Amino acid sequence: MIRIEGITAFVSVVESGSVSEAARRLRLSKSVVSERLAELERSLGGMLLHRTTRKLTLTEDGTAFLERAARIVREIEDATTEMAERRGTLSGPLRIAAPVTFGRMHLGPALYPFLAKHPEIQLVLDIDDRRVDVSSEGYDAIVRNGPIVDSRLVVWKLSRSRRLLVASPDYLERHGTPKTLNDLDGHKGIFYTNRGVSDWRFQTPDGAIVVRASQVLGMNNGDMIRDAAVAGLGIALLPAFIAGPAVSEGRLAEIDVGYKPEAEFIYMAHPEGRNPSAKLRAVADHLRKTFGDPPYWDPAG
């Protein structure tokens, strides 16, 4: 007899890439997950995974079984959630990925009172700046800052995300304050390397204009880019949710070059074709209200 616990273990192992990570997500020991997987293979009469010391790979049988197994797990989760919602409660598992700096500064503090109000929700919040595949990695949704590019996702805008061109008062006193886009060419830039380019994009009546300053420093963390700008190393283009407090406190000054940086958003996205649960919609509504419009972190707001 095939047990649902074994199917859940199999899907989780495939989605997470390892027994250890699957055990962490399921809140079980590695031995329990391994035993459930072995029991499922015995029930099916065939191997689903090739196991080596370095990685797990699907067998031909495993590949054939995976799609329906994943559908079974999702259907059970959806049915459980629907029953809870019929009783007027929000409950069950919810897995969301979010970027590090925004998660620490704003998303976490916004979610804590929501979770206290709905204690039956079992939220797993994965904080990581890497670009995740929502569907294949088993997330219900992602929260991101930036442009919206993945057409396979259904996107809910949570807040506007104005970006600020900033530098320390000390840097501007030593190097002068740029007044135009052309003035930026002679300045030192601090760039976010996860974007893959060392340039800034601004909106003009003729479309987007790309400006490339001389890179003095590149980093993949927004907190450290802000701190480097405060230290007077150069000019940075940062989201208001990172730079806003430093601007309000006078540690950074916003620079006006006549044009605004390209618009971005804080958004939540979930896989196309999957009906979002009531608890996911409730989380999104709560975040919109908490962030505000304009968002509370924007010094211009």
Protein backbone atom coordinates (compact mmCIF):
# COMPACT_ATOMS: atom_id res chain seq x y z
CA MET A 1 0.00 0.00 0.00
CA ILE A 2 1.33 3.40 -1.00
CA ARG A 3 1.37 5.91 1.87
CA ILE A 4 0.99 9.64 1.34
CA GLU A 5 3.91 10.27 3.73
CA GLY A 6 6.21 8.49 1.29
CA ILE A 7 4.95 10.49 -1.68
CA THR A 8 5.43 13.72 0.27
CA ALA A 9 8.98 12.69 1.21
CA PHE A 10 9.80 11.84 -2.42
CA VAL A 11 8.51 15.15 -3.79
CA SER A 12 10.28 17.12 -1.07
CA VAL A 13 13.60 15.35 -1.72
CA VAL A 14 13.39 16.06 -5.44
CA GLU A 15 12.37 19.70 -4.99
CA SER A 16 15.01 20.42 -2.36
CA GLY A 17 17.79 18.39 -3.96
CA SER A 18 18.79 16.40 -0.89
CA VAL A 19 17.45 14.26 1.93
CA SER A 20 18.92 16.66 4.49
CA GLU A 21 17.11 19.70 3.07
CA ALA A 22 13.88 17.72 2.67
CA ALA A 23 14.11 16.67 6.31
CA ARG A 24 14.56 20.29 7.35
CA ARG A 25 11.53 21.41 5.36
CA LEU A 26 9.37 18.56 6.64
CA ARG A 27 10.67 18.98 10.21
CA LEU A 28 11.68 15.32 10.37
CA SER A 29 14.94 13.48 10.89
CA LYS A 30 16.98 12.38 7.88
CA SER A 31 16.49 8.73 8.86
CA VAL A 32 12.69 9.08 8.83
CA VAL A 33 12.71 10.73 5.39
CA SER A 34 15.05 8.04 4.03
CA GLU A 35 12.88 5.25 5.42
CA ARG A 36 9.70 6.77 3.96
CA LEU A 37 11.41 7.05 0.59
CA ALA A 38 12.62 3.44 0.76
CA GLU A 39 9.16 2.23 1.75
CA LEU A 40 7.63 4.05 -1.22
CA GLU A 41 10.11 2.42 -3.59
CA ARG A 42 9.30 -1.01 -2.13
CA SER A 43 5.58 -0.37 -2.60
CA LEU A 44 6.11 0.71 -6.21
CA GLY A 45 8.53 -2.11 -6.93
CA GLY A 46 11.25 0.08 -8.42
CA MET A 47 13.93 2.66 -7.69
CA LEU A 48 12.90 6.32 -7.95
CA LEU A 49 16.27 7.92 -7.21
CA HIS A 50 19.92 7.18 -7.90
CA ARG A 51 21.83 7.88 -4.68
CA THR A 52 25.50 8.87 -4.59
CA THR A 53 27.58 10.59 -1.95
CA ARG A 54 27.31 13.88 -3.85
CA LYS A 55 23.83 14.06 -5.33
CA LEU A 56 20.49 12.44 -6.02
CA THR A 57 19.18 11.99 -9.55
CA LEU A 58 15.86 10.71 -10.80
CA THR A 59 15.62 7.31 -12.40
CA GLU A 60 13.41 6.79 -15.43
CA ASP A 61 10.67 5.50 -13.11
CA GLY A 62 11.20 8.46 -10.80
CA THR A 63 10.82 10.93 -13.64
CA ALA A 64 7.58 9.27 -14.74
CA PHE A 65 6.21 9.21 -11.18
CA LEU A 66 7.23 12.75 -10.16
CA GLU A 67 4.63 14.83 -12.00
CA ARG A 68 1.65 12.93 -10.61
CA ALA A 69 3.23 12.64 -7.17
CA ALA A 70 3.72 16.41 -7.00
CA ARG A 71 0.13 16.92 -8.12
CA ILE A 72 -1.12 14.58 -5.38
CA VAL A 73 0.82 16.48 -2.70
CA ARG A 74 -0.48 19.85 -3.93
CA GLU A 75 -4.06 18.57 -4.09
CA ILE A 76 -3.91 17.32 -0.51
CA GLU A 77 -2.40 20.60 0.69
CA ASP A 78 -5.07 22.57 -1.19
CA ALA A 79 -7.86 20.37 0.17
CA THR A 80 -6.58 20.77 3.74
CA THR A 81 -6.34 24.54 3.28
CA GLU A 82 -9.83 24.72 1.79
CA MET A 83 -11.32 22.85 4.75
CA ALA A 84 -9.64 25.26 7.16
CA GLU A 85 -10.87 28.24 5.18
CA ARG A 86 -14.41 26.87 5.27
CA ARG A 87 -14.12 26.99 9.06
CA GLY A 88 -13.04 30.62 8.82
CA THR A 89 -9.42 30.03 9.80
CA LEU A 90 -6.14 30.48 7.97
CA SER A 91 -3.91 27.46 8.51
CA GLY A 92 -1.46 25.07 6.96
CA PRO A 93 2.02 25.30 5.40
CA LEU A 94 3.21 28.30 3.43
CA ARG A 95 6.67 28.63 1.88
CA ILE A 96 7.96 31.99 0.63
CA ALA A 97 11.38 33.11 -0.63
CA ALA A 98 12.60 36.69 -0.19
CA PRO A 99 15.83 38.71 -0.57
CA VAL A 100 18.13 39.12 2.41
CA THR A 101 18.16 42.86 3.09
CA PHE A 102 14.47 43.50 2.44
CA GLY A 103 13.54 40.39 4.39
CA ARG A 104 15.55 41.45 7.43
CA MET A 105 14.62 45.15 7.40
CA HIS A 106 10.97 45.10 6.38
CA LEU A 107 9.38 41.76 5.46
CA GLY A 108 10.10 39.98 8.73
CA PRO A 109 8.87 42.83 10.96
CA ALA A 110 5.73 43.08 8.81
CA LEU A 111 4.98 39.35 9.00
CA TYR A 112 5.48 38.78 12.73
CA PRO A 113 2.20 40.40 13.88
CA PHE A 114 0.33 38.62 11.05
CA LEU A 115 1.65 35.24 12.19
CA ALA A 116 0.80 36.04 15.81
CA LYS A 117 -2.78 36.72 14.69
CA HIS A 118 -2.94 33.49 12.65
CA PRO A 119 -0.98 30.93 14.71
CA GLU A 120 -2.14 27.94 12.65
CA ILE A 121 -0.16 29.09 9.59
CA GLN A 122 3.15 27.23 9.30
CA LEU A 123 5.34 29.70 7.41
CA VAL A 124 8.79 28.85 6.10
CA LEU A 125 10.54 32.04 4.97
CA ASP A 126 13.72 31.39 2.97
CA ILE A 127 15.92 34.49 2.89
CA ASP A 128 18.33 34.39 -0.05
CA ASP A 129 19.35 36.84 -2.79
CA ARG A 130 19.66 34.18 -5.48
CA ARG A 131 16.98 33.91 -8.15
CA VAL A 132 14.83 30.91 -7.28
CA ASP A 133 12.54 28.87 -9.52
CA VAL A 134 9.21 29.11 -7.73
CA SER A 135 7.61 26.01 -9.22
CA SER A 136 10.47 23.53 -9.27
CA GLU A 137 11.74 24.46 -5.79
CA GLY A 138 8.35 24.10 -4.14
CA TYR A 139 7.63 27.69 -3.13
CA ASP A 140 4.11 29.04 -2.85
CA ALA A 141 5.42 32.51 -3.74
CA ILE A 142 8.44 34.77 -3.84
CA VAL A 143 8.79 38.37 -2.67
CA ARG A 144 11.17 40.43 -4.77
CA ASN A 145 12.33 43.98 -5.44
CA GLY A 146 12.96 45.08 -9.01
CA PRO A 147 11.52 44.80 -12.50
CA ILE A 148 9.08 42.01 -13.31
CA VAL A 149 10.53 39.69 -15.95
CA ASP A 150 9.27 36.08 -15.49
CA SER A 151 6.17 35.61 -17.65
CA ARG A 152 5.44 32.24 -16.00
CA LEU A 153 4.54 34.02 -12.76
CA VAL A 154 1.39 35.79 -11.63
CA VAL A 155 2.52 39.03 -10.01
CA TRP A 156 0.87 41.02 -7.23
CA LYS A 157 2.37 44.45 -6.60
CA LEU A 158 2.85 45.11 -2.90
CA SER A 159 4.45 48.54 -3.02
CA ARG A 160 6.28 50.99 -5.22
CA SER A 161 10.05 50.82 -4.82
CA ARG A 162 11.63 54.17 -5.61
CA ARG A 163 15.38 54.05 -6.08
CA LEU A 164 17.61 56.86 -4.87
CA LEU A 165 20.90 58.08 -6.31
CA VAL A 166 22.87 58.86 -3.16
CA ALA A 167 26.29 59.79 -1.81
CA SER A 168 27.63 61.02 1.50
CA PRO A 169 27.82 64.81 2.10
CA ASP A 170 31.59 64.34 2.52
CA TYR A 171 31.95 62.71 -0.91
CA LEU A 172 29.91 65.45 -2.60
CA GLU A 173 31.95 68.14 -0.88
CA ARG A 174 35.20 66.56 -2.14
CA HIS A 175 34.08 65.66 -5.67
CA GLY A 176 31.19 68.03 -6.38
CA THR A 177 27.50 67.29 -6.79
CA PRO A 178 26.50 66.02 -10.26
CA LYS A 179 23.65 68.00 -11.81
CA THR A 180 23.13 66.10 -15.08
CA LEU A 181 23.43 62.53 -16.34
CA ASN A 182 26.63 63.48 -18.17
CA ASP A 183 28.15 64.66 -14.89
CA LEU A 184 27.95 61.11 -13.55
CA ASP A 185 30.59 59.91 -16.01
CA GLY A 186 33.34 61.48 -13.97
CA HIS A 187 32.23 60.06 -10.62
CA LYS A 188 33.00 56.87 -8.73
CA GLY A 189 30.21 54.30 -8.59
CA ILE A 190 29.33 51.58 -6.08
CA PHE A 191 27.39 48.85 -7.85
CA TYR A 192 25.21 45.89 -6.94
CA THR A 193 26.91 42.94 -8.64
CA ASN A 194 23.87 40.63 -8.61
CA ARG A 195 22.44 42.72 -11.43
CA GLY A 196 25.38 41.67 -13.56
CA VAL A 197 26.13 45.15 -14.95
CA SER A 198 27.93 48.25 -13.77
CA ASP A 199 25.46 50.86 -14.95
CA TRP A 200 22.47 52.92 -13.89
CA ARG A 201 19.26 53.31 -15.89
CA PHE A 202 17.17 56.51 -15.88
CA GLN A 203 13.80 57.37 -17.37
CA THR A 204 13.73 60.14 -19.97
CA PRO A 205 11.05 61.31 -22.44
CA ASP A 206 13.01 59.46 -25.14
CA GLY A 207 13.20 56.21 -23.21
CA ALA A 208 15.70 54.65 -20.85
CA ILE A 209 19.24 56.01 -20.73
CA VAL A 210 22.11 53.94 -19.40
CA VAL A 211 24.88 55.72 -17.50
CA ARG A 212 28.15 53.98 -16.68
CA ALA A 213 30.26 55.48 -13.93
CA SER A 214 33.72 54.30 -12.97
CA GLN A 215 33.26 51.34 -10.62
CA VAL A 216 35.17 51.83 -7.40
CA LEU A 217 33.46 48.95 -5.62
CA GLY A 218 31.08 46.12 -6.46
CA MET A 219 29.15 44.08 -3.88
CA ASN A 220 26.20 41.72 -3.75
CA ASN A 221 24.67 43.10 -0.54
CA GLY A 222 22.59 46.26 -0.28
CA ASP A 223 23.44 46.95 3.37
CA MET A 224 27.14 47.02 2.58
CA ILE A 225 26.64 49.20 -0.50
CA ARG A 226 24.81 51.73 1.68
CA ASP A 227 27.57 51.60 4.28
CA ALA A 228 30.23 52.11 1.60
CA ALA A 229 28.34 55.15 0.32
CA VAL A 230 28.05 56.52 3.87
CA ALA A 231 31.81 56.02 4.20
CA GLY A 232 32.31 58.39 1.25
CA LEU A 233 33.63 55.89 -1.31
CA GLY A 234 31.30 56.92 -4.14
CA ILE A 235 27.77 57.24 -5.51
CA ALA A 236 25.25 54.40 -5.23
CA LEU A 237 21.80 53.75 -6.68
CA LEU A 238 19.81 52.09 -3.91
CA PRO A 239 16.17 51.26 -3.12
CA ALA A 240 14.57 53.68 -0.68
CA PHE A 241 13.93 50.78 1.71
CA ILE A 242 17.72 50.54 2.17
CA ALA A 243 18.88 54.15 1.76
CA GLY A 244 15.82 55.97 3.11
CA PRO A 245 16.75 56.04 6.82
CA ALA A 246 20.31 57.22 6.05
CA VAL A 247 18.90 60.03 3.88
CA SER A 248 16.47 61.09 6.61
CA GLU A 249 19.32 61.09 9.15
CA GLY A 250 21.61 63.16 6.90
CA ARG A 251 24.24 60.42 6.48
CA LEU A 252 23.43 60.25 2.77
CA ALA A 253 22.19 62.93 0.38
CA GLU A 254 19.87 62.24 -2.54
CA ILE A 255 21.26 63.47 -5.87
CA ASP A 256 18.99 65.06 -8.49
CA VAL A 257 20.33 64.75 -12.05
CA GLY A 258 17.09 65.85 -13.73
CA TYR A 259 15.72 62.36 -14.41
CA LYS A 260 14.38 59.58 -12.20
CA PRO A 261 15.82 56.06 -12.05
CA GLU A 262 13.70 53.41 -13.75
CA ALA A 263 10.69 52.39 -11.69
CA GLU A 264 10.74 49.17 -9.69
CA PHE A 265 8.34 47.44 -7.33
CA ILE A 266 8.16 45.26 -4.27
CA TYR A 267 6.06 42.37 -5.55
CA MET A 268 4.84 38.90 -4.67
CA ALA A 269 4.69 36.31 -7.44
CA HIS A 270 3.29 32.81 -7.58
CA PRO A 271 3.30 30.15 -10.32
CA GLU A 272 0.86 30.57 -13.17
CA GLY A 273 -1.94 28.02 -13.19
CA ARG A 274 -1.83 27.36 -9.45
CA ASN A 275 -4.81 28.73 -7.54
CA PRO A 276 -3.37 30.87 -4.70
CA SER A 277 -4.66 29.99 -1.25
CA ALA A 278 -6.64 32.34 0.95
CA LYS A 279 -3.72 32.55 3.38
CA LEU A 280 -1.35 33.68 0.60
CA ARG A 281 -3.86 36.35 -0.45
CA ALA A 282 -4.21 37.40 3.18
CA VAL A 283 -0.42 37.73 3.53
CA ALA A 284 -0.28 39.91 0.41
CA ASP A 285 -3.12 42.15 1.62
CA HIS A 286 -1.46 42.51 5.02
CA LEU A 287 1.87 43.48 3.44
CA ARG A 288 0.25 46.09 1.19
CA LYS A 289 -1.42 47.74 4.18
CA THR A 290 1.72 47.56 6.31
CA PHE A 291 4.06 48.99 3.66
CA GLY A 292 1.65 51.77 2.65
CA ASP A 293 1.48 53.92 -0.49
CA PRO A 294 3.88 55.65 -0.61
CA PRO A 295 5.79 53.14 1.55
CA TYR A 296 6.76 54.18 5.04
CA TRP A 297 10.50 53.79 4.31
CA ASP A 298 10.58 56.41 1.54
CA PRO A 299 11.90 59.77 2.84
CA ALA A 300 9.81 61.57 0.19
CA GLY A 301 6.67 59.92 1.57
